[in-house]
């Protein structure tokens, strides 16, 4: 879902659109590096700042500044332009520091970090009153298609089948279950978080109708696979989304940044991004 077409112009405009300035927060993590590797596919985006506790050996693009999170909060952030779009691909503790800055100096935010607690989620929702915000646990086209299928499952199917949700990520992923697994579980048990459980290690008790067991696997270097298995009497249905290249999420984050630039303050979804030509 890379950038292949120009951003829309105002009627009668005959000048190139201004570049989309971006601050990449969490620039040296797995996702941060993937975003930087995909930048060449998005010529309308200019990386203006990379924020991470330690600088990478790879040089920052021309016109881009490296800074630590503390520097961003202590004054360096004040020199950044007001329409800068922030892409957050850090860890939960990093997001907390970022929100300290954004609450004082609101800017458009693409929030793609998983493992956030409800306090941080609430702060992100409140930020949308002051700036355009896109909060998404998964920024891939395939995930959007899978969630549409899960949303379309009739209630009788959710209650008739025994449902297992299996997610496999690399050994270094800290949060379990993954943010995507939790989002899928919400679709499968809408309004009933009590039906979502970590999978028992043994046979366990008889399942409650509509109950969902989540199995989390952390091994190897797998980028991410999510599988819903619905098992019934004499039939089994599976919905699987597997990602082999982290660039899938990086391109989604960059496309989301393009979308947010110049938007009115409110909460947006990745479906809003995908609805644009």
C-alpha atoms as a PDB file:
ATOM      1  CA  UNK A   1       0.000   0.000   0.000  1.00  0.00           C
ATOM      2  CA  UNK A   2       2.844   2.346  -0.851  1.00  0.00           C
ATOM      3  CA  UNK A   3       2.410   5.823  -2.243  1.00  0.00           C
ATOM      4  CA  UNK A   4       1.898   5.539  -5.988  1.00  0.00           C
ATOM      5  CA  UNK A   5      -0.348   8.503  -6.787  1.00  0.00           C
ATOM      6  CA  UNK A   6      -0.045  12.222  -5.967  1.00  0.00           C
ATOM      7  CA  UNK A   7      -1.964  13.731  -3.098  1.00  0.00           C
ATOM      8  CA  UNK A   8      -5.179  15.517  -4.119  1.00  0.00           C
ATOM      9  CA  UNK A   9      -4.797  19.138  -5.145  1.00  0.00           C
ATOM     10  CA  UNK A  10      -7.198  21.975  -4.650  1.00  0.00           C
ATOM     11  CA  UNK A  11      -9.234  22.788  -7.772  1.00  0.00           C
ATOM     12  CA  UNK A  12      -7.157  24.858 -10.144  1.00  0.00           C
ATOM     13  CA  UNK A  13      -3.925  24.387  -8.229  1.00  0.00           C
ATOM     14  CA  UNK A  14      -0.915  24.416 -10.508  1.00  0.00           C
ATOM     15  CA  UNK A  15       1.886  24.332  -7.947  1.00  0.00           C
ATOM     16  CA  UNK A  16       3.350  21.257  -6.269  1.00  0.00           C
ATOM     17  CA  UNK A  17       1.891  20.383  -2.887  1.00  0.00           C
ATOM     18  CA  UNK A  18       4.048  21.252   0.102  1.00  0.00           C
ATOM     19  CA  UNK A  19       5.981  18.278   1.468  1.00  0.00           C
ATOM     20  CA  UNK A  20       4.591  16.407   4.447  1.00  0.00           C
ATOM     21  CA  UNK A  21       7.038  16.928   7.367  1.00  0.00           C
ATOM     22  CA  UNK A  22       7.364  13.910   9.657  1.00  0.00           C
ATOM     23  CA  UNK A  23       8.877  13.225  13.065  1.00  0.00           C
ATOM     24  CA  UNK A  24       9.686   9.537  13.542  1.00  0.00           C
ATOM     25  CA  UNK A  25       9.483   8.598  17.224  1.00  0.00           C
ATOM     26  CA  UNK A  26      11.185   5.308  18.002  1.00  0.00           C
ATOM     27  CA  UNK A  27      13.445   5.648  14.972  1.00  0.00           C
ATOM     28  CA  UNK A  28      15.962   2.937  15.910  1.00  0.00           C
ATOM     29  CA  UNK A  29      13.558   0.105  16.715  1.00  0.00           C
ATOM     30  CA  UNK A  30      12.509  -2.578  14.259  1.00  0.00           C
ATOM     31  CA  UNK A  31       9.576  -0.545  12.993  1.00  0.00           C
ATOM     32  CA  UNK A  32      11.509   2.717  13.018  1.00  0.00           C
ATOM     33  CA  UNK A  33      14.174   1.247  10.751  1.00  0.00           C
ATOM     34  CA  UNK A  34      11.493  -0.202   8.473  1.00  0.00           C
ATOM     35  CA  UNK A  35       9.872   3.239   8.126  1.00  0.00           C
ATOM     36  CA  UNK A  36      13.205   4.800   7.180  1.00  0.00           C
ATOM     37  CA  UNK A  37      13.882   2.049   4.648  1.00  0.00           C
ATOM     38  CA  UNK A  38      10.527   2.708   2.944  1.00  0.00           C
ATOM     39  CA  UNK A  39      10.844   6.500   2.816  1.00  0.00           C
ATOM     40  CA  UNK A  40      12.144   6.484  -0.779  1.00  0.00           C
ATOM     41  CA  UNK A  41       8.722   5.171  -1.872  1.00  0.00           C
ATOM     42  CA  UNK A  42       7.071   8.340  -0.534  1.00  0.00           C
ATOM     43  CA  UNK A  43       8.742  11.325  -2.224  1.00  0.00           C
ATOM     44  CA  UNK A  44       6.177  13.738  -0.785  1.00  0.00           C
ATOM     45  CA  UNK A  45       7.260  12.969   2.784  1.00  0.00           C
ATOM     46  CA  UNK A  46      10.252  14.711   4.341  1.00  0.00           C
ATOM     47  CA  UNK A  47      11.720  13.226   7.502  1.00  0.00           C
ATOM     48  CA  UNK A  48      12.513  16.239   9.694  1.00  0.00           C
ATOM     49  CA  UNK A  49      13.336  14.571  13.018  1.00  0.00           C
ATOM     50  CA  UNK A  50      14.299  11.127  14.319  1.00  0.00           C
ATOM     51  CA  UNK A  51      13.751  10.582  18.039  1.00  0.00           C
ATOM     52  CA  UNK A  52      15.338   7.664  19.899  1.00  0.00           C
ATOM     53  CA  UNK A  53      17.386   7.178  23.088  1.00  0.00           C
ATOM     54  CA  UNK A  54      20.467   6.312  21.002  1.00  0.00           C
ATOM     55  CA  UNK A  55      21.425   7.419  17.507  1.00  0.00           C
ATOM     56  CA  UNK A  56      21.768   4.923  14.706  1.00  0.00           C
ATOM     57  CA  UNK A  57      25.023   4.634  12.811  1.00  0.00           C
ATOM     58  CA  UNK A  58      23.119   5.307   9.616  1.00  0.00           C
ATOM     59  CA  UNK A  59      23.090   9.070   8.944  1.00  0.00           C
ATOM     60  CA  UNK A  60      19.862  11.018   9.082  1.00  0.00           C
ATOM     61  CA  UNK A  61      18.586  12.317   5.727  1.00  0.00           C
ATOM     62  CA  UNK A  62      19.486  15.870   4.803  1.00  0.00           C
ATOM     63  CA  UNK A  63      17.416  18.345   6.806  1.00  0.00           C
ATOM     64  CA  UNK A  64      16.597  15.786   9.517  1.00  0.00           C
ATOM     65  CA  UNK A  65      17.752  16.100  13.142  1.00  0.00           C
ATOM     66  CA  UNK A  66      18.451  13.305  15.613  1.00  0.00           C
ATOM     67  CA  UNK A  67      17.328  13.900  19.176  1.00  0.00           C
ATOM     68  CA  UNK A  68      16.678  11.924  22.346  1.00  0.00           C
ATOM     69  CA  UNK A  69      13.190  11.928  23.924  1.00  0.00           C
ATOM     70  CA  UNK A  70      14.485  14.144  26.730  1.00  0.00           C
ATOM     71  CA  UNK A  71      15.725  16.709  24.216  1.00  0.00           C
ATOM     72  CA  UNK A  72      12.314  16.754  22.530  1.00  0.00           C
ATOM     73  CA  UNK A  73      10.636  17.594  25.827  1.00  0.00           C
ATOM     74  CA  UNK A  74      13.258  20.029  27.104  1.00  0.00           C
ATOM     75  CA  UNK A  75      13.165  22.514  24.249  1.00  0.00           C
ATOM     76  CA  UNK A  76      14.240  21.037  20.918  1.00  0.00           C
ATOM     77  CA  UNK A  77      10.611  20.221  20.122  1.00  0.00           C
ATOM     78  CA  UNK A  78       9.663  23.898  20.275  1.00  0.00           C
ATOM     79  CA  UNK A  79      11.725  24.528  17.132  1.00  0.00           C
ATOM     80  CA  UNK A  80       9.767  21.987  15.073  1.00  0.00           C
ATOM     81  CA  UNK A  81       7.063  23.234  12.736  1.00  0.00           C
ATOM     82  CA  UNK A  82       3.442  23.156  13.845  1.00  0.00           C
ATOM     83  CA  UNK A  83       2.171  20.945  10.998  1.00  0.00           C
ATOM     84  CA  UNK A  84       4.738  18.217  11.645  1.00  0.00           C
ATOM     85  CA  UNK A  85       3.123  14.749  11.627  1.00  0.00           C
ATOM     86  CA  UNK A  86       4.395  12.435  14.376  1.00  0.00           C
ATOM     87  CA  UNK A  87       4.696   8.694  13.711  1.00  0.00           C
ATOM     88  CA  UNK A  88       5.027   6.801  16.994  1.00  0.00           C
ATOM     89  CA  UNK A  89       6.495   3.306  16.655  1.00  0.00           C
ATOM     90  CA  UNK A  90       8.165   3.226  20.070  1.00  0.00           C
ATOM     91  CA  UNK A  91       7.406   1.218  23.212  1.00  0.00           C
ATOM     92  CA  UNK A  92       4.760   2.048  25.806  1.00  0.00           C
ATOM     93  CA  UNK A  93       7.112   3.964  28.094  1.00  0.00           C
ATOM     94  CA  UNK A  94       8.266   6.023  25.130  1.00  0.00           C
ATOM     95  CA  UNK A  95       4.687   6.834  24.165  1.00  0.00           C
ATOM     96  CA  UNK A  96       4.066   8.194  27.656  1.00  0.00           C
ATOM     97  CA  UNK A  97       6.918  10.695  27.211  1.00  0.00           C
ATOM     98  CA  UNK A  98       5.757  11.607  23.721  1.00  0.00           C
ATOM     99  CA  UNK A  99       2.265  12.386  25.004  1.00  0.00           C
ATOM    100  CA  UNK A 100       3.775  14.677  27.643  1.00  0.00           C
ATOM    101  CA  UNK A 101       5.099  16.770  24.742  1.00  0.00           C
ATOM    102  CA  UNK A 102       2.065  16.495  22.457  1.00  0.00           C
ATOM    103  CA  UNK A 103      -0.333  17.549  25.206  1.00  0.00           C
ATOM    104  CA  UNK A 104       1.664  20.779  25.510  1.00  0.00           C
ATOM    105  CA  UNK A 105       2.299  21.173  21.781  1.00  0.00           C
ATOM    106  CA  UNK A 106      -0.394  19.289  19.829  1.00  0.00           C
ATOM    107  CA  UNK A 107       0.535  17.916  16.409  1.00  0.00           C
ATOM    108  CA  UNK A 108      -0.957  15.265  14.121  1.00  0.00           C
ATOM    109  CA  UNK A 109      -0.196  11.790  15.467  1.00  0.00           C
ATOM    110  CA  UNK A 110      -0.047   8.334  13.892  1.00  0.00           C
ATOM    111  CA  UNK A 111       0.036   6.036  16.929  1.00  0.00           C
ATOM    112  CA  UNK A 112       1.061   2.485  16.010  1.00  0.00           C
ATOM    113  CA  UNK A 113       2.523   1.289  19.308  1.00  0.00           C
ATOM    114  CA  UNK A 114       1.022  -1.802  20.940  1.00  0.00           C
ATOM    115  CA  UNK A 115       0.915  -2.788  24.594  1.00  0.00           C
ATOM    116  CA  UNK A 116      -0.462   0.553  25.805  1.00  0.00           C
ATOM    117  CA  UNK A 117      -2.473   0.596  29.020  1.00  0.00           C
ATOM    118  CA  UNK A 118      -5.895   2.203  29.253  1.00  0.00           C
ATOM    119  CA  UNK A 119      -4.457   5.421  30.740  1.00  0.00           C
ATOM    120  CA  UNK A 120      -2.293   5.968  27.651  1.00  0.00           C
ATOM    121  CA  UNK A 121      -5.140   5.001  25.321  1.00  0.00           C
ATOM    122  CA  UNK A 122      -7.350   7.585  27.037  1.00  0.00           C
ATOM    123  CA  UNK A 123      -4.682  10.286  26.664  1.00  0.00           C
ATOM    124  CA  UNK A 124      -4.454   9.538  22.941  1.00  0.00           C
ATOM    125  CA  UNK A 125      -8.228   9.812  22.605  1.00  0.00           C
ATOM    126  CA  UNK A 126      -8.186  13.183  24.384  1.00  0.00           C
ATOM    127  CA  UNK A 127      -5.398  14.442  22.114  1.00  0.00           C
ATOM    128  CA  UNK A 128      -7.785  14.014  19.176  1.00  0.00           C
ATOM    129  CA  UNK A 129      -9.724  17.020  20.499  1.00  0.00           C
ATOM    130  CA  UNK A 130      -6.713  19.195  19.677  1.00  0.00           C
ATOM    131  CA  UNK A 131      -5.074  17.497  16.683  1.00  0.00           C
ATOM    132  CA  UNK A 132      -5.820  14.852  14.049  1.00  0.00           C
ATOM    133  CA  UNK A 133      -5.006  11.433  15.524  1.00  0.00           C
ATOM    134  CA  UNK A 134      -4.929   7.998  13.953  1.00  0.00           C
ATOM    135  CA  UNK A 135      -4.660   5.184  16.483  1.00  0.00           C
ATOM    136  CA  UNK A 136      -4.173   1.747  14.921  1.00  0.00           C
ATOM    137  CA  UNK A 137      -2.690  -1.443  16.325  1.00  0.00           C
ATOM    138  CA  UNK A 138      -2.091  -2.765  12.821  1.00  0.00           C
ATOM    139  CA  UNK A 139      -1.435  -0.662   9.708  1.00  0.00           C
ATOM    140  CA  UNK A 140      -1.696  -3.277   6.969  1.00  0.00           C
ATOM    141  CA  UNK A 141      -4.176  -3.687   4.143  1.00  0.00           C
ATOM    142  CA  UNK A 142      -4.454  -7.423   4.837  1.00  0.00           C
ATOM    143  CA  UNK A 143      -5.460  -6.792   8.437  1.00  0.00           C
ATOM    144  CA  UNK A 144      -8.180  -4.409   7.292  1.00  0.00           C
ATOM    145  CA  UNK A 145      -9.559  -7.107   4.999  1.00  0.00           C
ATOM    146  CA  UNK A 146      -9.402  -9.716   7.779  1.00  0.00           C
ATOM    147  CA  UNK A 147     -11.187  -7.469  10.272  1.00  0.00           C
ATOM    148  CA  UNK A 148     -13.944  -6.831   7.722  1.00  0.00           C
ATOM    149  CA  UNK A 149     -14.454 -10.602   7.445  1.00  0.00           C
ATOM    150  CA  UNK A 150     -14.491 -11.034  11.219  1.00  0.00           C
ATOM    151  CA  UNK A 151     -16.979  -8.185  11.616  1.00  0.00           C
ATOM    152  CA  UNK A 152     -19.269  -9.884   9.088  1.00  0.00           C
ATOM    153  CA  UNK A 153     -19.474 -13.184  11.014  1.00  0.00           C
ATOM    154  CA  UNK A 154     -23.077 -13.672  12.149  1.00  0.00           C
ATOM    155  CA  UNK A 155     -23.682 -13.989  15.868  1.00  0.00           C
ATOM    156  CA  UNK A 156     -24.985 -17.541  15.505  1.00  0.00           C
ATOM    157  CA  UNK A 157     -21.619 -18.571  14.016  1.00  0.00           C
ATOM    158  CA  UNK A 158     -19.684 -16.936  16.866  1.00  0.00           C
ATOM    159  CA  UNK A 159     -21.813 -18.850  19.368  1.00  0.00           C
ATOM    160  CA  UNK A 160     -21.943 -22.184  17.530  1.00  0.00           C
ATOM    161  CA  UNK A 161     -18.199 -22.568  16.951  1.00  0.00           C
ATOM    162  CA  UNK A 162     -15.426 -22.931  19.488  1.00  0.00           C
ATOM    163  CA  UNK A 163     -13.055 -20.051  18.721  1.00  0.00           C
ATOM    164  CA  UNK A 164      -9.285 -19.991  19.114  1.00  0.00           C
ATOM    165  CA  UNK A 165      -7.131 -17.026  18.154  1.00  0.00           C
ATOM    166  CA  UNK A 166      -3.470 -17.931  17.585  1.00  0.00           C
ATOM    167  CA  UNK A 167      -0.834 -15.231  17.156  1.00  0.00           C
ATOM    168  CA  UNK A 168       2.868 -15.800  16.468  1.00  0.00           C
ATOM    169  CA  UNK A 169       5.514 -13.075  16.677  1.00  0.00           C
ATOM    170  CA  UNK A 170       9.273 -12.866  16.961  1.00  0.00           C
ATOM    171  CA  UNK A 171      10.939 -13.767  20.234  1.00  0.00           C
ATOM    172  CA  UNK A 172      11.668 -10.121  21.085  1.00  0.00           C
ATOM    173  CA  UNK A 173       8.061  -8.868  21.042  1.00  0.00           C
ATOM    174  CA  UNK A 174       7.222  -7.804  24.572  1.00  0.00           C
ATOM    175  CA  UNK A 175       3.439  -7.560  24.674  1.00  0.00           C
ATOM    176  CA  UNK A 176       1.317 -10.699  24.623  1.00  0.00           C
ATOM    177  CA  UNK A 177      -1.367 -11.028  23.429  1.00  0.00           C
ATOM    178  CA  UNK A 178      -0.568  -8.715  20.546  1.00  0.00           C
ATOM    179  CA  UNK A 179      -2.576  -5.583  19.931  1.00  0.00           C
ATOM    180  CA  UNK A 180      -3.983  -7.073  16.737  1.00  0.00           C
ATOM    181  CA  UNK A 181      -5.078 -10.244  18.569  1.00  0.00           C
ATOM    182  CA  UNK A 182      -6.919  -8.143  21.142  1.00  0.00           C
ATOM    183  CA  UNK A 183      -8.568  -6.093  18.399  1.00  0.00           C
ATOM    184  CA  UNK A 184      -9.696  -9.257  16.621  1.00  0.00           C
ATOM    185  CA  UNK A 185     -11.045 -10.640  19.891  1.00  0.00           C
ATOM    186  CA  UNK A 186     -13.106  -7.471  20.370  1.00  0.00           C
ATOM    187  CA  UNK A 187     -14.691  -8.070  16.969  1.00  0.00           C
ATOM    188  CA  UNK A 188     -15.448 -11.687  17.795  1.00  0.00           C
ATOM    189  CA  UNK A 189     -16.963 -10.892  21.200  1.00  0.00           C
ATOM    190  CA  UNK A 190     -18.329  -7.369  20.815  1.00  0.00           C
ATOM    191  CA  UNK A 191     -19.205  -5.856  24.165  1.00  0.00           C
ATOM    192  CA  UNK A 192     -18.153  -8.976  26.074  1.00  0.00           C
ATOM    193  CA  UNK A 193     -14.500  -8.733  27.175  1.00  0.00           C
ATOM    194  CA  UNK A 194     -15.305 -11.372  29.812  1.00  0.00           C
ATOM    195  CA  UNK A 195     -15.508 -13.954  27.006  1.00  0.00           C
ATOM    196  CA  UNK A 196     -11.859 -13.379  25.970  1.00  0.00           C
ATOM    197  CA  UNK A 197      -9.359 -15.563  27.855  1.00  0.00           C
ATOM    198  CA  UNK A 198      -5.750 -16.591  27.624  1.00  0.00           C
ATOM    199  CA  UNK A 199      -5.724 -20.204  26.434  1.00  0.00           C
ATOM    200  CA  UNK A 200      -5.531 -22.742  29.270  1.00  0.00           C
ATOM    201  CA  UNK A 201      -2.503 -25.023  29.340  1.00  0.00           C
ATOM    202  CA  UNK A 202      -4.630 -28.155  29.771  1.00  0.00           C
ATOM    203  CA  UNK A 203      -8.029 -29.363  28.575  1.00  0.00           C
ATOM    204  CA  UNK A 204      -9.776 -27.091  31.051  1.00  0.00           C
ATOM    205  CA  UNK A 205     -13.508 -26.810  31.647  1.00  0.00           C
ATOM    206  CA  UNK A 206     -16.197 -26.896  29.002  1.00  0.00           C
ATOM    207  CA  UNK A 207     -16.283 -23.689  27.015  1.00  0.00           C
ATOM    208  CA  UNK A 208     -18.935 -21.058  27.363  1.00  0.00           C
ATOM    209  CA  UNK A 209     -20.697 -20.330  24.022  1.00  0.00           C
ATOM    210  CA  UNK A 210     -18.888 -17.491  22.277  1.00  0.00           C
ATOM    211  CA  UNK A 211     -15.789 -17.786  24.466  1.00  0.00           C
ATOM    212  CA  UNK A 212     -12.473 -17.008  22.764  1.00  0.00           C
ATOM    213  CA  UNK A 213      -9.120 -18.489  23.716  1.00  0.00           C
ATOM    214  CA  UNK A 214      -6.017 -16.506  22.713  1.00  0.00           C
ATOM    215  CA  UNK A 215      -2.767 -18.431  22.186  1.00  0.00           C
ATOM    216  CA  UNK A 216       0.391 -16.277  22.058  1.00  0.00           C
ATOM    217  CA  UNK A 217       3.624 -17.663  20.604  1.00  0.00           C
ATOM    218  CA  UNK A 218       6.933 -15.796  20.832  1.00  0.00           C
ATOM    219  CA  UNK A 219       9.711 -17.532  18.899  1.00  0.00           C
ATOM    220  CA  UNK A 220      12.173 -17.047  16.070  1.00  0.00           C
ATOM    221  CA  UNK A 221      12.053 -13.980  13.851  1.00  0.00           C
ATOM    222  CA  UNK A 222       8.435 -14.141  12.653  1.00  0.00           C
ATOM    223  CA  UNK A 223       7.100 -10.695  11.754  1.00  0.00           C
ATOM    224  CA  UNK A 224       3.530 -11.605  12.623  1.00  0.00           C
ATOM    225  CA  UNK A 225       0.826 -14.177  11.918  1.00  0.00           C
ATOM    226  CA  UNK A 226      -2.734 -14.069  13.239  1.00  0.00           C
ATOM    227  CA  UNK A 227      -5.105 -16.985  12.808  1.00  0.00           C
ATOM    228  CA  UNK A 228      -8.715 -17.391  13.893  1.00  0.00           C
ATOM    229  CA  UNK A 229      -9.853 -20.997  14.057  1.00  0.00           C
ATOM    230  CA  UNK A 230     -13.579 -21.649  14.376  1.00  0.00           C
ATOM    231  CA  UNK A 231     -14.216 -25.345  15.064  1.00  0.00           C
ATOM    232  CA  UNK A 232     -17.673 -26.859  15.029  1.00  0.00           C
ATOM    233  CA  UNK A 233     -19.373 -30.210  14.592  1.00  0.00           C
ATOM    234  CA  UNK A 234     -17.935 -31.640  11.389  1.00  0.00           C
ATOM    235  CA  UNK A 235     -16.523 -28.379  10.032  1.00  0.00           C
ATOM    236  CA  UNK A 236     -13.712 -25.899  10.635  1.00  0.00           C
ATOM    237  CA  UNK A 237     -13.245 -22.350   9.363  1.00  0.00           C
ATOM    238  CA  UNK A 238      -9.932 -20.452   9.442  1.00  0.00           C
ATOM    239  CA  UNK A 239      -9.121 -16.804   8.757  1.00  0.00           C
ATOM    240  CA  UNK A 240      -5.368 -16.163   8.560  1.00  0.00           C
ATOM    241  CA  UNK A 241      -3.270 -13.060   8.037  1.00  0.00           C
ATOM    242  CA  UNK A 242       0.478 -13.548   7.768  1.00  0.00           C
ATOM    243  CA  UNK A 243       3.101 -10.822   7.318  1.00  0.00           C
ATOM    244  CA  UNK A 244       6.631 -11.652   6.192  1.00  0.00           C
ATOM    245  CA  UNK A 245       7.921  -8.099   5.673  1.00  0.00           C
ATOM    246  CA  UNK A 246       7.718  -5.379   8.339  1.00  0.00           C
ATOM    247  CA  UNK A 247       7.668  -2.872   5.481  1.00  0.00           C
ATOM    248  CA  UNK A 248       3.931  -3.615   5.182  1.00  0.00           C
ATOM    249  CA  UNK A 249       3.341  -1.775   8.459  1.00  0.00           C
ATOM    250  CA  UNK A 250       5.908   0.927   7.666  1.00  0.00           C
ATOM    251  CA  UNK A 251       4.170   1.821   4.403  1.00  0.00           C
ATOM    252  CA  UNK A 252       0.863   1.936   6.240  1.00  0.00           C
ATOM    253  CA  UNK A 253       2.315   4.365   8.786  1.00  0.00           C
ATOM    254  CA  UNK A 254       3.709   6.635   6.062  1.00  0.00           C
ATOM    255  CA  UNK A 255       0.470   6.581   4.112  1.00  0.00           C
ATOM    256  CA  UNK A 256      -1.393   7.429   7.331  1.00  0.00           C
ATOM    257  CA  UNK A 257       0.962  10.389   7.900  1.00  0.00           C
ATOM    258  CA  UNK A 258       0.206  11.678   4.418  1.00  0.00           C
ATOM    259  CA  UNK A 259      -3.500  11.347   5.128  1.00  0.00           C
ATOM    260  CA  UNK A 260      -3.399  13.220   8.472  1.00  0.00           C
ATOM    261  CA  UNK A 261      -1.411  16.190   7.191  1.00  0.00           C
ATOM    262  CA  UNK A 262      -3.724  19.213   7.125  1.00  0.00           C
ATOM    263  CA  UNK A 263      -6.748  17.357   8.538  1.00  0.00           C
ATOM    264  CA  UNK A 264      -9.086  18.743  11.171  1.00  0.00           C
ATOM    265  CA  UNK A 265      -8.637  17.589  14.784  1.00  0.00           C
ATOM    266  CA  UNK A 266     -10.480  14.342  15.496  1.00  0.00           C
ATOM    267  CA  UNK A 267      -9.904  10.605  15.754  1.00  0.00           C
ATOM    268  CA  UNK A 268      -9.381   8.833  12.420  1.00  0.00           C
ATOM    269  CA  UNK A 269      -9.100   5.147  11.570  1.00  0.00           C
ATOM    270  CA  UNK A 270      -6.935   3.289   9.081  1.00  0.00           C
ATOM    271  CA  UNK A 271     -10.122   2.566   7.131  1.00  0.00           C
ATOM    272  CA  UNK A 272     -10.373   6.358   6.599  1.00  0.00           C
ATOM    273  CA  UNK A 273      -6.908   6.247   5.032  1.00  0.00           C
ATOM    274  CA  UNK A 274      -7.763   3.316   2.779  1.00  0.00           C
ATOM    275  CA  UNK A 275     -10.957   5.020   1.606  1.00  0.00           C
ATOM    276  CA  UNK A 276      -8.890   7.720  -0.105  1.00  0.00           C
ATOM    277  CA  UNK A 277      -7.928   7.242  -3.784  1.00  0.00           C
END
